[in-house]
Structures are given as structure tokens and as C-alpha cells.
């Protein structure tokens, strides 16, 4: 939202500010410019609306104030903290008004719940032109994040199958565990290579590679080599293309269209998308050839998600290209950033880490590898992930446009076409909903008889029909990876890096490289060596 405000304000002033943040992720929601100036009906007096007030009765942030806070007070990189600052100044609901852009900011769990429970049949996120522009240029269909209205609803109906239901996600447990195997091997390799023998440096990068490999193995039904010591050239080009697209997204947002032929940023942004779709097309086309060969020889067509999309739905190849690319990009940042913040928090809280270790050890004793069924018996594991997502929501701000109907929120009347900005970070830090909000307390989410917080206080995967289609897969990846890591290692912080803070790069990322010590647990080391001895003995006997 703030990026859109900055763009609007600079356009009005006739000057252009160079963007600072890194790339937006698929989950970004930029609010819509078209029709964004609130209709005249919204400015009617309170009397004409009966007991309901209007936006005229709310505090209002103007362009100059927003720019001052972002660029003078330094909130540009800390837009999530700006939510807290403005909530203190203006309360739970206020208007952001920068001329061609208007939005109603919601900062309390009650208002958030009220809005989302009044969601329309086809909820609208807002302006996704940053992504749709390339698709229009190349004739590629929109996906679940860029499509709107009834077309979006029909697309989501297809995509939800084999992914969103918990019973469906369990089917991918073995595939994910194969990727976790390679992550564990990678951790052992990095530990051995470190000066201390137990340090993993730049953890975010390693978890990004794990996350990309995991979601790719599901969407493409094949491994792409992200966790190999030497990443295949095509895969590295794919990774570089994702980074390039994200890196130049803000330049495209902030700079005027007339500058595209003069400056290189737009061309590099488009080149990033070209690389992403080139790789995705190749992987999808390879699967299509396999399916066609089986059909031509009267063999049964078997496979998982991509096979289902290609062989059992009415989606065209262009539809599949658009949807799979968006699912892929959305899944990577969600899993990798949440895993990084979770392990960082655990490293700083030995008591929570020990409680988690005891639960995992109890549920999967000895050398047993946690399965998708096992993690369903680990409520504390799920609580740990959920608390990390509360403290560091992947997407700290989201939006809704009430397209079809007028709505009353918080006793205020708003006509249709009104844009609402949902300030998730501020809501998740509200001490009335979460006492001691700055403390890492997974027990908040335990179903053990204690009063649990309002679930709308933390909705990292969204709510309702527009919720994250890949939620179950992302959760399963995190559960299986974290349970295995905690079973094998005690995680300790690296004192040399200091306290890690969050920066807002559309998703919340660390403000520095995160290094952690992974100390091998004595019990697991003994069990591993015992297993090795047993395996050697059996091999000798068999020979």
C-alpha cells in the first residue's frame, strides 16, 4: 500500500523518487487506483446516513504526512512498524488519502473480522497490474493471484482439488520428506565446512533453496536440483530469474512508463519473467509429453498435481503455465521466511526448543522419520509455527475491495468500490488480543483448556475462499522439516550477528544474514551410530 502511496504522491509532485525496497512477492496486494477516489455518497453527513457515520468522521492521513514518515522518519523499510505508529496516533480505523488513492485502514481484530465475515462471493484483492502486464504482453492466462471475479472462482475450484484439503496434502508427505532428506544432508555438509564445525551461515538462502525444491517437486512432479552442491545451470537460471523479477519490480512500480525506453529496469524486469516462464513451460511441456505417450500407448495416466491439471481438467496449457508459475512464486517466500524466523526464535528460547524436542522425540522415537501422519500428533510443533507467523506474518498488509455492495464497518457506512487495507502486523501485535505480544509464546495456540486468542488476530494464510490455495502444502513442508531438524540438532544463536530485526520487503525478511549453530544431539548421534552398526552387521551376514 505504501508503495502505491509513494508512487501517487511523487506523480502529483512531478518528481520521481528512486525505490529502496527489494522485490515484492506474489502475495503483495496493491490497492486499486481505478475508482479509488471515494464516491460522493461516502461524504454524506452522518445525519443523512442515520446512526452510521462515514469516512468524513475518521482521521485522515494526507500525502505530505505519509511521505514525511516514510522518507524522513525512516519507515520506508519498516512499513510494518508504521502500522503500529499510526494506530497509536489515529486508533483502529482511519483514512489514507493521497488524492488519486483512498483506502480505509483497519487496525483491530474486531474490525478485521467484521470486514472478512462480510466478504463477497468473489473477493477482490486489488490491483495486480504489476503481474498482469507481463501476462497480457505474452498472452499468458492469469492465475489464482491475478484473476478476479467469476473467472477467479472457477479457476480456484479447479486448483483447490488435490491441494487444499488436509487429506490431499498428506499424499505429498513422501515427496516432501525426500526433499527434507537433502536439506538435512546439506546442513551436515555446511556444518562440516564451517570454522566451528556446527555453524550454518546465511540460513535464509539455504531455506529458500529448500522451499523452492519442495514446491517444485510437487508442482512439476520432478526434482530440479536446488539442494545439490552444484546446482544445474537451467535451475540456477530459474532461481536468478525469480530474483531478477522481484529485484526490479519496485523500479517498474515507481518509475513512469515513459522512462522504460530510457532506463534498463523495465527490460530487466520483463527478462526475469521470461526466465521464469521459460523454465516453467519446459517442465510442464515435458510432463505433457509423458502423458501423451501414455495415452498413445493405452497406458493409465498416473501422477499427482501437475498430471491432474493437465489430464483431468479443462485448463489449457496457457492456463496451466499462468497458475503453476503463481503457485510456485507464492510458495517459496512463505515457507522459507517462516522457517527462518521460527528457527531464529527457537535458538533464542531454549525452554521452548526443549519442549518441542520432547514432543517430537515422544511421537517419533529412535531413528524413525516423522511422517505427515505423525505431525498431526504434534500440537506444540504446530503452535510453534503459528506463533512465529503471528510475530512475523509473511505478508504484513493485505487488502479488500468491496466491489458489489455497500458495507458498514465499525459503525461507518462505505459505498461499494471502497478499498480496505488490513494491517495484519498491527493486529497481531495488539496486547488486548495477545498479552505480551513481543514474547514468543507458542502455548497461546494450544488446545489445552486455556482461553485462545481470536483467530482473526493472526491469519497469515488469509481467510475464506480467497485464502492461500497452497496453505496445507506449506504447513506440511514446515512441519516435516522443523520436526526433523529439532530431532537431530539443538539450535543456538550466533552471537556475532547481534539481534535480527525485520525489514519489510513486501514480505518480512531479516535485516542481515542469519547464522545459527546446529549442535548434533547426543541421543540422536548414538541412535544414528547404532543404526549404522546394525546395518553393517546385517550386510556382513547377508554376504
Protein backbone atom coordinates (compact mmCIF):
# COMPACT_ATOMS: atom_id res chain seq x y z
CA UNK A 1 0.00 0.00 0.00
CA UNK A 2 2.73 2.46 0.98
CA UNK A 3 4.48 1.86 -2.32
CA UNK A 4 1.34 2.87 -4.14
CA UNK A 5 1.05 5.94 -1.94
CA UNK A 6 4.61 6.94 -2.67
CA UNK A 7 4.09 6.47 -6.38
CA UNK A 8 0.92 8.55 -6.36
CA UNK A 9 2.43 11.31 -4.29
CA UNK A 10 5.54 11.61 -6.40
CA UNK A 11 3.50 11.66 -9.58
CA UNK A 12 1.46 14.54 -8.23
CA UNK A 13 4.52 16.50 -7.26
CA UNK A 14 6.11 15.96 -10.69
CA UNK A 15 9.24 14.33 -9.23
CA UNK A 16 10.28 10.70 -9.04
CA UNK A 17 11.89 9.05 -6.07
CA UNK A 18 14.10 6.05 -6.55
CA UNK A 19 12.74 2.96 -4.78
CA UNK A 20 14.65 1.32 -1.98
CA UNK A 21 12.95 -1.96 -1.13
CA UNK A 22 13.64 -5.23 -2.73
CA UNK A 23 11.21 -7.17 -4.71
CA UNK A 24 7.60 -7.78 -3.97
CA UNK A 25 6.39 -11.34 -3.56
CA UNK A 26 3.31 -12.82 -5.12
CA UNK A 27 1.37 -12.24 -2.00
CA UNK A 28 1.63 -8.43 -2.30
CA UNK A 29 -1.68 -6.65 -2.60
CA UNK A 30 -1.54 -3.18 -4.12
CA UNK A 31 -4.82 -1.37 -3.83
CA UNK A 32 -6.69 -0.30 -6.93
CA UNK A 33 -6.42 3.12 -8.46
CA UNK A 34 -9.43 2.92 -10.75
CA UNK A 35 -12.39 4.29 -8.91
CA UNK A 36 -10.29 4.69 -5.79
CA UNK A 37 -11.48 8.20 -5.00
CA UNK A 38 -14.35 7.55 -2.69
CA UNK A 39 -17.73 8.21 -4.36
CA UNK A 40 -19.63 11.29 -3.34
CA UNK A 41 -22.09 9.15 -1.41
CA UNK A 42 -19.38 8.40 1.12
CA UNK A 43 -19.07 12.05 2.03
CA UNK A 44 -22.69 12.45 3.01
CA UNK A 45 -23.22 13.71 6.50
CA UNK A 46 -23.85 11.46 9.47
CA UNK A 47 -27.41 12.69 9.64
CA UNK A 48 -28.22 11.51 6.12
CA UNK A 49 -26.91 8.07 6.98
CA UNK A 50 -28.88 7.74 10.20
CA UNK A 51 -26.78 6.49 13.08
CA UNK A 52 -23.92 5.37 10.85
CA UNK A 53 -21.04 7.71 10.28
CA UNK A 54 -18.91 7.98 7.12
CA UNK A 55 -15.26 8.33 6.21
CA UNK A 56 -15.57 12.08 6.85
CA UNK A 57 -15.77 11.24 10.55
CA UNK A 58 -12.45 9.35 10.52
CA UNK A 59 -8.90 10.63 10.99
CA UNK A 60 -7.20 11.20 7.65
CA UNK A 61 -3.57 10.81 6.52
CA UNK A 62 -2.60 13.08 3.63
CA UNK A 63 0.22 12.79 1.10
CA UNK A 64 2.70 15.05 2.88
CA UNK A 65 2.37 13.19 6.18
CA UNK A 66 2.84 9.82 4.51
CA UNK A 67 5.94 10.90 2.61
CA UNK A 68 7.43 12.50 5.72
CA UNK A 69 7.03 9.32 7.73
CA UNK A 70 8.32 7.06 5.01
CA UNK A 71 11.35 9.01 3.84
CA UNK A 72 12.24 11.35 6.74
CA UNK A 73 11.32 9.27 9.78
CA UNK A 74 12.70 6.18 8.04
CA UNK A 75 9.65 3.93 7.89
CA UNK A 76 10.15 3.09 4.21
CA UNK A 77 11.99 -0.11 5.12
CA UNK A 78 9.81 -0.70 8.20
CA UNK A 79 6.29 -0.29 6.89
CA UNK A 80 5.06 -2.93 9.34
CA UNK A 81 6.21 -0.73 12.23
CA UNK A 82 4.48 2.25 10.62
CA UNK A 83 1.21 0.39 11.20
CA UNK A 84 1.87 0.45 14.96
CA UNK A 85 2.85 4.12 14.90
CA UNK A 86 -0.26 5.19 13.02
CA UNK A 87 -2.51 3.05 15.18
CA UNK A 88 -1.22 4.93 18.23
CA UNK A 89 -1.94 8.24 16.53
CA UNK A 90 -5.30 7.56 14.91
CA UNK A 91 -6.84 4.49 16.53
CA UNK A 92 -8.21 1.34 14.92
CA UNK A 93 -9.63 2.90 11.73
CA UNK A 94 -8.55 5.86 9.61
CA UNK A 95 -8.40 7.06 6.02
CA UNK A 96 -5.26 7.14 3.87
CA UNK A 97 -5.94 9.85 1.30
CA UNK A 98 -3.32 10.79 -1.29
CA UNK A 99 -5.53 12.24 -3.97
CA UNK A 100 -5.99 9.51 -6.57
CA UNK A 101 -5.70 6.83 -3.92
CA UNK A 102 -8.06 6.28 -0.99
CA UNK A 103 -8.07 3.42 1.48
CA UNK A 104 -9.67 2.67 4.84
CA UNK A 105 -7.00 1.24 7.16
CA UNK A 106 -8.22 -1.34 9.68
CA UNK A 107 -6.03 -1.95 12.73
CA UNK A 108 -8.12 -4.00 15.17
CA UNK A 109 -9.11 -7.66 15.26
CA UNK A 110 -12.79 -6.76 15.65
CA UNK A 111 -12.84 -4.59 12.52
CA UNK A 112 -10.84 -7.15 10.57
CA UNK A 113 -13.25 -9.92 11.50
CA UNK A 114 -16.26 -7.75 10.68
CA UNK A 115 -14.90 -6.97 7.20
CA UNK A 116 -13.91 -10.53 6.32
CA UNK A 117 -17.16 -12.03 7.53
CA UNK A 118 -18.89 -9.70 5.06
CA UNK A 119 -16.72 -10.90 2.17
CA UNK A 120 -18.42 -11.10 -1.20
CA UNK A 121 -18.76 -14.28 -3.25
CA UNK A 122 -15.81 -13.26 -5.39
CA UNK A 123 -13.48 -11.33 -3.03
CA UNK A 124 -11.26 -8.79 -4.75
CA UNK A 125 -7.64 -8.31 -3.62
CA UNK A 126 -7.00 -5.13 -5.53
CA UNK A 127 -4.64 -4.00 -8.27
CA UNK A 128 -2.34 -6.77 -9.56
CA UNK A 129 -1.26 -4.96 -12.74
CA UNK A 130 2.38 -5.42 -11.78
CA UNK A 131 1.92 -9.10 -12.64
CA UNK A 132 -0.87 -8.96 -15.21
CA UNK A 133 1.05 -6.62 -17.52
CA UNK A 134 3.56 -9.31 -18.49
CA UNK A 135 0.82 -11.91 -18.98
CA UNK A 136 -1.09 -9.55 -21.26
CA UNK A 137 2.12 -8.88 -23.21
CA UNK A 138 2.76 -12.59 -23.81
CA UNK A 139 -0.80 -13.87 -23.98
CA UNK A 140 -0.46 -15.98 -20.81
CA UNK A 141 -3.55 -16.69 -18.74
CA UNK A 142 -3.99 -15.16 -15.30
CA UNK A 143 -3.52 -17.36 -12.25
CA UNK A 144 -5.08 -17.54 -8.76
CA UNK A 145 -3.44 -14.29 -7.61
CA UNK A 146 -4.06 -12.18 -10.70
CA UNK A 147 -7.50 -13.36 -11.80
CA UNK A 148 -10.67 -11.72 -10.45
CA UNK A 149 -14.42 -12.26 -10.31
CA UNK A 150 -16.19 -15.38 -11.54
CA UNK A 151 -13.18 -16.42 -13.64
CA UNK A 152 -11.09 -16.47 -10.48
CA UNK A 153 -13.75 -18.52 -8.67
CA UNK A 154 -13.85 -21.18 -11.39
CA UNK A 155 -10.05 -21.32 -11.50
CA UNK A 156 -9.76 -21.72 -7.73
CA UNK A 157 -12.34 -24.51 -7.79
CA UNK A 158 -10.02 -26.46 -10.07
CA UNK A 159 -6.78 -25.58 -8.25
CA UNK A 160 -8.16 -26.37 -4.79
CA UNK A 161 -8.56 -30.04 -5.64
CA UNK A 162 -5.61 -32.22 -4.68
CA UNK A 163 -4.02 -29.39 -2.70
CA UNK A 164 -6.20 -27.51 -0.22
CA UNK A 165 -7.88 -30.35 1.67
CA UNK A 166 -5.77 -31.84 4.51
CA UNK A 167 -6.33 -35.37 3.21
CA UNK A 168 -4.93 -34.33 -0.15
CA UNK A 169 -1.85 -32.63 1.26
CA UNK A 170 -0.89 -35.78 3.22
CA UNK A 171 -0.33 -37.53 -0.11
CA UNK A 172 2.68 -35.30 -0.70
CA UNK A 173 4.37 -36.31 2.57
CA UNK A 174 6.82 -38.77 0.97
CA UNK A 175 7.74 -36.29 -1.76
CA UNK A 176 8.43 -33.56 0.80
CA UNK A 177 10.40 -35.92 3.05
CA UNK A 178 12.73 -36.71 0.16
CA UNK A 179 13.47 -33.00 -0.10
CA UNK A 180 13.90 -32.78 3.70
CA UNK A 181 16.44 -35.63 3.44
CA UNK A 182 18.54 -33.48 1.15
CA UNK A 183 18.14 -30.43 3.39
CA UNK A 184 19.49 -32.44 6.34
CA UNK A 185 22.44 -33.62 4.23
CA UNK A 186 23.03 -30.03 3.23
CA UNK A 187 23.04 -28.90 6.89
CA UNK A 188 25.59 -31.61 7.77
CA UNK A 189 27.77 -30.54 4.85
CA UNK A 190 27.64 -26.85 5.79
CA UNK A 191 28.41 -27.64 9.45
CA UNK A 192 31.50 -29.63 8.50
CA UNK A 193 32.67 -26.80 6.26
CA UNK A 194 32.34 -24.13 8.96
CA UNK A 195 35.21 -22.99 11.23
CA UNK A 196 33.38 -24.22 14.36
CA UNK A 197 32.12 -27.46 12.84
CA UNK A 198 28.48 -26.66 13.61
CA UNK A 199 27.66 -23.28 12.03
CA UNK A 200 25.28 -22.76 9.12
CA UNK A 201 25.71 -19.31 7.60
CA UNK A 202 23.16 -17.35 5.58
CA UNK A 203 20.34 -19.64 6.66
CA UNK A 204 17.76 -17.72 4.63
CA UNK A 205 19.50 -18.70 1.40
CA UNK A 206 19.57 -22.38 2.33
CA UNK A 207 15.90 -22.38 3.31
CA UNK A 208 14.98 -20.59 0.09
CA UNK A 209 16.64 -23.38 -1.87
CA UNK A 210 14.81 -25.97 0.22
CA UNK A 211 11.48 -24.25 -0.24
CA UNK A 212 11.90 -23.86 -3.99
CA UNK A 213 12.92 -27.51 -4.34
CA UNK A 214 9.95 -28.62 -2.24
CA UNK A 215 7.25 -26.71 -4.08
CA UNK A 216 8.82 -27.53 -7.46
CA UNK A 217 8.83 -31.24 -6.68
CA UNK A 218 5.08 -31.03 -6.14
CA UNK A 219 4.09 -28.64 -8.93
CA UNK A 220 6.45 -30.06 -11.59
CA UNK A 221 6.46 -33.63 -10.19
CA UNK A 222 10.23 -33.74 -10.53
CA UNK A 223 13.34 -32.60 -8.67
CA UNK A 224 15.20 -29.56 -10.03
CA UNK A 225 18.45 -29.78 -8.03
CA UNK A 226 18.29 -26.74 -5.74
CA UNK A 227 19.95 -28.62 -2.86
CA UNK A 228 22.78 -30.14 -4.86
CA UNK A 229 26.29 -28.82 -4.29
CA UNK A 230 26.43 -27.85 -7.96
CA UNK A 231 23.00 -26.54 -8.96
CA UNK A 232 22.10 -27.43 -12.59
CA UNK A 233 22.59 -24.48 -14.93
CA UNK A 234 18.93 -24.32 -16.00
CA UNK A 235 17.80 -24.39 -12.37
CA UNK A 236 20.27 -21.64 -11.44
CA UNK A 237 18.97 -19.53 -14.33
CA UNK A 238 15.45 -20.10 -12.99
CA UNK A 239 16.48 -19.02 -9.46
CA UNK A 240 18.27 -15.96 -10.88
CA UNK A 241 15.19 -15.07 -12.95
CA UNK A 242 12.96 -15.11 -9.86
CA UNK A 243 15.41 -12.84 -8.02
CA UNK A 244 15.69 -10.52 -11.03
CA UNK A 245 11.91 -10.18 -11.44
CA UNK A 246 11.48 -9.35 -7.77
CA UNK A 247 14.50 -7.02 -7.65
CA UNK A 248 13.23 -4.78 -10.44
CA UNK A 249 9.54 -4.87 -9.52
CA UNK A 250 9.75 -1.72 -7.42
CA UNK A 251 11.53 0.16 -10.17
CA UNK A 252 8.66 -0.69 -12.50
CA UNK A 253 6.12 0.43 -9.90
CA UNK A 254 7.85 3.69 -9.07
CA UNK A 255 9.13 4.94 -12.42
CA UNK A 256 6.87 6.48 -15.11
CA UNK A 257 6.13 4.45 -18.22
CA UNK A 258 7.83 6.99 -20.47
CA UNK A 259 11.15 6.12 -18.80
CA UNK A 260 11.03 2.46 -19.86
CA UNK A 261 12.83 3.08 -23.16
CA UNK A 262 15.45 5.23 -21.46
CA UNK A 263 16.27 3.16 -18.38
CA UNK A 264 17.10 -0.57 -18.20
CA UNK A 265 14.88 -1.52 -15.25
CA UNK A 266 11.69 -2.47 -17.09
CA UNK A 267 13.62 -4.60 -19.58
CA UNK A 268 15.35 -6.46 -16.77
CA UNK A 269 12.01 -6.96 -15.02
CA UNK A 270 10.48 -8.45 -18.18
CA UNK A 271 13.61 -10.57 -18.69
CA UNK A 272 13.08 -12.04 -15.22
CA UNK A 273 9.54 -13.09 -16.13
CA UNK A 274 10.83 -14.55 -19.40
CA UNK A 275 13.24 -16.78 -17.49
CA UNK A 276 10.57 -17.89 -15.03
CA UNK A 277 8.10 -18.88 -17.72
CA UNK A 278 10.77 -20.42 -19.94
CA UNK A 279 11.66 -22.87 -17.17
CA UNK A 280 8.05 -23.48 -16.11
CA UNK A 281 6.99 -24.07 -19.72
CA UNK A 282 9.76 -26.58 -20.26
CA UNK A 283 8.88 -28.57 -17.13
CA UNK A 284 5.16 -28.53 -17.92
CA UNK A 285 5.71 -29.43 -21.58
CA UNK A 286 7.89 -32.37 -20.54
CA UNK A 287 5.08 -33.67 -18.36
CA UNK A 288 2.58 -33.17 -21.19
CA UNK A 289 4.78 -35.29 -23.48
CA UNK A 290 4.92 -38.08 -20.89
CA UNK A 291 1.14 -38.01 -20.50
CA UNK A 292 0.62 -38.03 -24.27
CA UNK A 293 2.94 -41.02 -24.73
CA UNK A 294 0.99 -42.97 -22.13
CA UNK A 295 -2.29 -42.05 -23.76
CA UNK A 296 -0.98 -43.06 -27.21
CA UNK A 297 0.02 -46.48 -25.90
CA UNK A 298 -3.23 -47.01 -23.94
CA UNK A 299 -1.42 -46.88 -20.60
CA UNK A 300 -3.00 -45.49 -17.44
CA UNK A 301 -2.08 -41.86 -16.76
CA UNK A 302 -0.65 -41.64 -13.25
CA UNK A 303 0.73 -38.70 -11.35
CA UNK A 304 -0.04 -36.02 -8.83
CA UNK A 305 -0.87 -32.30 -9.06
CA UNK A 306 0.52 -31.32 -12.48
CA UNK A 307 -0.77 -34.53 -14.06
CA UNK A 308 -4.20 -33.79 -12.62
CA UNK A 309 -4.20 -30.25 -14.04
CA UNK A 310 -3.05 -31.40 -17.47
CA UNK A 311 -5.15 -34.53 -17.90
CA UNK A 312 -8.28 -34.20 -15.78
CA UNK A 313 -9.36 -30.58 -16.14
CA UNK A 314 -10.43 -28.28 -18.94
CA UNK A 315 -7.44 -26.00 -18.38
CA UNK A 316 -5.41 -25.16 -21.47
CA UNK A 317 -1.63 -25.25 -21.43
CA UNK A 318 -1.62 -21.43 -21.15
CA UNK A 319 -3.92 -21.69 -18.12
CA UNK A 320 -1.55 -24.17 -16.50
CA UNK A 321 1.52 -22.01 -17.26
CA UNK A 322 -0.07 -19.00 -15.55
CA UNK A 323 -1.39 -20.84 -12.50
CA UNK A 324 1.65 -23.01 -11.78
CA UNK A 325 4.03 -20.04 -12.02
CA UNK A 326 1.99 -18.06 -9.48
CA UNK A 327 1.64 -21.01 -7.11
CA UNK A 328 5.38 -21.56 -7.30
CA UNK A 329 6.32 -17.95 -6.56
CA UNK A 330 3.80 -17.67 -3.72
CA UNK A 331 5.01 -20.84 -2.04
CA UNK A 332 8.72 -20.09 -1.89
CA UNK A 333 8.76 -16.97 0.29
CA UNK A 334 6.05 -18.24 2.63
CA UNK A 335 7.91 -21.38 3.64
CA UNK A 336 11.49 -20.10 3.61
CA UNK A 337 10.88 -16.91 5.60
CA UNK A 338 8.67 -18.60 8.18
CA UNK A 339 11.20 -21.39 8.70
CA UNK A 340 13.99 -18.85 9.14
CA UNK A 341 12.09 -16.79 11.73
CA UNK A 342 10.96 -19.95 13.56
CA UNK A 343 14.48 -21.32 13.92
CA UNK A 344 15.80 -17.91 14.93
CA UNK A 345 13.15 -17.63 17.67
CA UNK A 346 13.83 -21.19 18.86
CA UNK A 347 17.56 -20.50 19.06
CA UNK A 348 16.85 -17.65 21.47
CA UNK A 349 14.42 -19.60 23.66
CA UNK A 350 15.95 -22.89 24.90
CA UNK A 351 12.88 -23.73 27.02
CA UNK A 352 10.51 -23.61 24.04
CA UNK A 353 13.02 -25.56 21.96
CA UNK A 354 13.32 -28.25 24.63
CA UNK A 355 9.53 -28.59 24.90
CA UNK A 356 9.34 -29.02 21.15
CA UNK A 357 12.18 -31.56 21.15
CA UNK A 358 10.46 -33.64 23.84
CA UNK A 359 7.21 -33.69 21.84
CA UNK A 360 8.95 -34.73 18.62
CA UNK A 361 11.04 -37.39 20.38
CA UNK A 362 7.94 -38.81 22.04
CA UNK A 363 5.99 -39.01 18.79
CA UNK A 364 8.84 -40.32 16.62
CA UNK A 365 11.29 -42.22 18.87
CA UNK A 366 14.64 -43.62 17.78
CA UNK A 367 15.61 -43.28 14.16
CA UNK A 368 12.05 -43.01 12.87
CA UNK A 369 11.49 -40.22 10.37
CA UNK A 370 8.43 -38.01 11.02
CA UNK A 371 5.61 -38.60 8.55
CA UNK A 372 2.63 -36.49 7.56
CA UNK A 373 0.52 -38.60 9.91
CA UNK A 374 3.00 -38.17 12.78
CA UNK A 375 2.92 -34.38 12.72
CA UNK A 376 -0.83 -34.47 13.34
CA UNK A 377 0.09 -35.78 16.80
CA UNK A 378 2.36 -32.78 17.48
CA UNK A 379 0.20 -29.86 18.62
CA UNK A 380 3.15 -27.97 20.09
CA UNK A 381 5.01 -28.14 16.77
CA UNK A 382 2.02 -26.54 15.05
CA UNK A 383 1.76 -23.95 17.82
CA UNK A 384 5.43 -23.02 17.37
CA UNK A 385 4.93 -22.37 13.65
CA UNK A 386 1.73 -20.45 14.25
CA UNK A 387 3.33 -18.22 16.88
CA UNK A 388 6.24 -17.46 14.55
CA UNK A 389 3.73 -16.50 11.87
CA UNK A 390 1.98 -14.22 14.36
CA UNK A 391 5.18 -12.42 15.27
CA UNK A 392 6.44 -12.25 11.69
CA UNK A 393 3.48 -12.54 9.34
CA UNK A 394 4.74 -13.32 5.86
CA UNK A 395 2.53 -10.60 4.38
CA UNK A 396 2.07 -7.83 6.98
CA UNK A 397 -0.60 -5.98 4.97
CA UNK A 398 -3.39 -7.09 2.65
CA UNK A 399 -6.44 -5.53 1.04
CA UNK A 400 -10.05 -5.97 0.02
CA UNK A 401 -12.24 -4.02 -2.36
CA UNK A 402 -15.97 -4.34 -1.78
CA UNK A 403 -16.90 -4.49 -5.46
CA UNK A 404 -20.61 -5.28 -5.43
CA UNK A 405 -22.17 -3.88 -2.27
CA UNK A 406 -22.14 -1.02 0.19
CA UNK A 407 -20.91 -2.09 3.61
CA UNK A 408 -20.98 -0.92 7.23
CA UNK A 409 -17.77 -1.50 9.18
CA UNK A 410 -17.27 -0.26 12.73
CA UNK A 411 -20.48 1.76 12.59
CA UNK A 412 -19.32 3.61 9.46
CA UNK A 413 -21.02 3.45 6.07
CA UNK A 414 -18.84 2.80 3.00
CA UNK A 415 -20.17 2.54 -0.56
CA UNK A 416 -19.12 -0.19 -2.95
CA UNK A 417 -15.72 0.18 -4.62
CA UNK A 418 -14.22 1.18 -1.27
CA UNK A 419 -10.73 -0.17 -0.67
CA UNK A 420 -9.86 -1.53 2.79
CA UNK A 421 -6.29 -2.07 3.94
CA UNK A 422 -5.94 -4.84 6.52
CA UNK A 423 -2.98 -4.11 8.80
CA UNK A 424 -2.14 -7.66 9.87
CA UNK A 425 1.09 -6.80 11.65
CA UNK A 426 -0.56 -4.22 13.91
CA UNK A 427 -3.44 -6.60 14.67
CA UNK A 428 -1.06 -9.44 15.56
CA UNK A 429 0.84 -7.14 17.95
CA UNK A 430 -2.26 -5.95 19.83
CA UNK A 431 -1.74 -6.70 23.53
CA UNK A 432 -5.51 -6.95 24.13
CA UNK A 433 -5.60 -9.97 21.82
CA UNK A 434 -2.09 -11.22 22.56
CA UNK A 435 -0.79 -10.33 26.05
CA UNK A 436 2.97 -9.71 25.92
CA UNK A 437 2.87 -9.61 22.11
CA UNK A 438 6.64 -9.26 21.73
CA UNK A 439 7.24 -12.58 23.52
CA UNK A 440 7.48 -15.91 21.72
CA UNK A 441 4.75 -17.96 23.43
CA UNK A 442 3.55 -20.94 21.37
CA UNK A 443 1.30 -22.04 24.23
CA UNK A 444 -1.14 -19.30 23.20
CA UNK A 445 -2.37 -21.61 20.47
CA UNK A 446 -2.59 -24.87 22.45
CA UNK A 447 -5.98 -26.53 22.78
CA UNK A 448 -5.47 -27.48 26.42
CA UNK A 449 -8.39 -25.74 28.07
CA UNK A 450 -6.92 -22.24 28.23
CA UNK A 451 -8.62 -19.32 26.54
CA UNK A 452 -7.30 -18.98 23.00
CA UNK A 453 -6.95 -15.68 21.13
CA UNK A 454 -9.39 -14.52 18.49
CA UNK A 455 -8.26 -16.44 15.36
CA UNK A 456 -8.61 -13.27 13.26
CA UNK A 457 -5.72 -11.84 15.28
CA UNK A 458 -3.36 -13.84 13.08
CA UNK A 459 -4.46 -15.04 9.64
CA UNK A 460 -1.17 -15.47 7.74
CA UNK A 461 -2.82 -17.58 5.03
CA UNK A 462 -5.82 -15.32 4.56
CA UNK A 463 -9.45 -16.13 5.23
CA UNK A 464 -12.34 -17.68 3.37
CA UNK A 465 -12.47 -18.59 -0.30
CA UNK A 466 -9.58 -16.24 -1.13
CA UNK A 467 -7.31 -17.89 1.42
CA UNK A 468 -3.96 -19.34 0.29
CA UNK A 469 -4.51 -22.30 -2.03
CA UNK A 470 -1.13 -23.80 -1.03
CA UNK A 471 -1.59 -23.44 2.71
CA UNK A 472 -1.71 -27.16 3.51
CA UNK A 473 1.39 -27.88 1.43
CA UNK A 474 3.35 -25.01 3.00
CA UNK A 475 2.38 -26.12 6.50
CA UNK A 476 3.32 -29.73 5.81
CA UNK A 477 6.72 -28.66 4.45
CA UNK A 478 7.41 -26.64 7.59
CA UNK A 479 6.16 -29.34 9.97
CA UNK A 480 8.20 -32.13 8.39
CA UNK A 481 11.37 -30.05 8.05
CA UNK A 482 11.29 -28.47 11.52
CA UNK A 483 10.43 -31.71 13.34
CA UNK A 484 13.36 -33.49 11.66
CA UNK A 485 15.80 -30.65 12.33
CA UNK A 486 14.82 -30.34 16.01
CA UNK A 487 15.09 -34.11 16.44
CA UNK A 488 18.66 -34.07 15.16
CA UNK A 489 20.03 -30.72 16.32
CA UNK A 490 19.95 -28.21 19.13
CA UNK A 491 19.83 -24.77 17.53
CA UNK A 492 21.81 -21.95 19.12
CA UNK A 493 22.25 -18.33 18.04
CA UNK A 494 25.40 -16.88 16.57
CA UNK A 495 26.32 -14.05 18.99
CA UNK A 496 28.43 -12.31 16.35
CA UNK A 497 25.41 -11.21 14.27
CA UNK A 498 23.55 -9.43 17.08
CA UNK A 499 19.79 -9.05 17.27
CA UNK A 500 18.00 -9.71 14.00
CA UNK A 501 15.16 -7.35 13.09
CA UNK A 502 12.56 -7.42 10.36
CA UNK A 503 12.62 -5.37 7.21
CA UNK A 504 9.57 -5.00 5.02
CA UNK A 505 10.34 -6.18 1.51
CA UNK A 506 6.64 -6.87 0.90
CA UNK A 507 7.33 -10.00 2.95
CA UNK A 508 9.10 -9.63 6.30
CA UNK A 509 12.74 -10.56 5.87
CA UNK A 510 15.76 -10.38 8.15
CA UNK A 511 17.79 -7.19 8.16
CA UNK A 512 21.04 -9.17 7.97
CA UNK A 513 22.36 -12.64 7.15
CA UNK A 514 21.23 -15.08 9.82
CA UNK A 515 23.75 -17.65 11.03
CA UNK A 516 22.83 -20.39 13.51
CA UNK A 517 24.74 -23.15 15.28
CA UNK A 518 23.34 -26.66 14.76
CA UNK A 519 24.68 -28.84 17.58
CA UNK A 520 24.09 -32.55 17.00
CA UNK A 521 22.09 -34.05 19.83
CA UNK A 522 23.91 -36.82 21.73
CA UNK A 523 20.87 -39.12 21.84
CA UNK A 524 20.30 -38.89 18.11
CA UNK A 525 24.00 -39.32 17.37
CA UNK A 526 24.07 -42.51 19.45
CA UNK A 527 20.93 -43.80 17.74
CA UNK A 528 22.40 -42.99 14.33
CA UNK A 529 25.65 -44.83 15.06
CA UNK A 530 23.73 -47.81 16.45
CA UNK A 531 21.71 -47.90 13.26
CA UNK A 532 24.92 -47.81 11.22
CA UNK A 533 26.41 -50.71 13.21
CA UNK A 534 23.24 -52.76 12.78
CA UNK A 535 23.23 -52.06 9.04
CA UNK A 536 26.89 -53.17 8.73
CA UNK A 537 26.21 -56.38 10.67
CA UNK A 538 23.22 -57.23 8.50
CA UNK A 539 25.26 -56.57 5.38
CA UNK A 540 28.04 -58.91 6.59
CA UNK A 541 25.55 -61.65 7.49
CA UNK A 542 23.84 -61.32 4.10
CA UNK A 543 27.17 -61.75 2.32
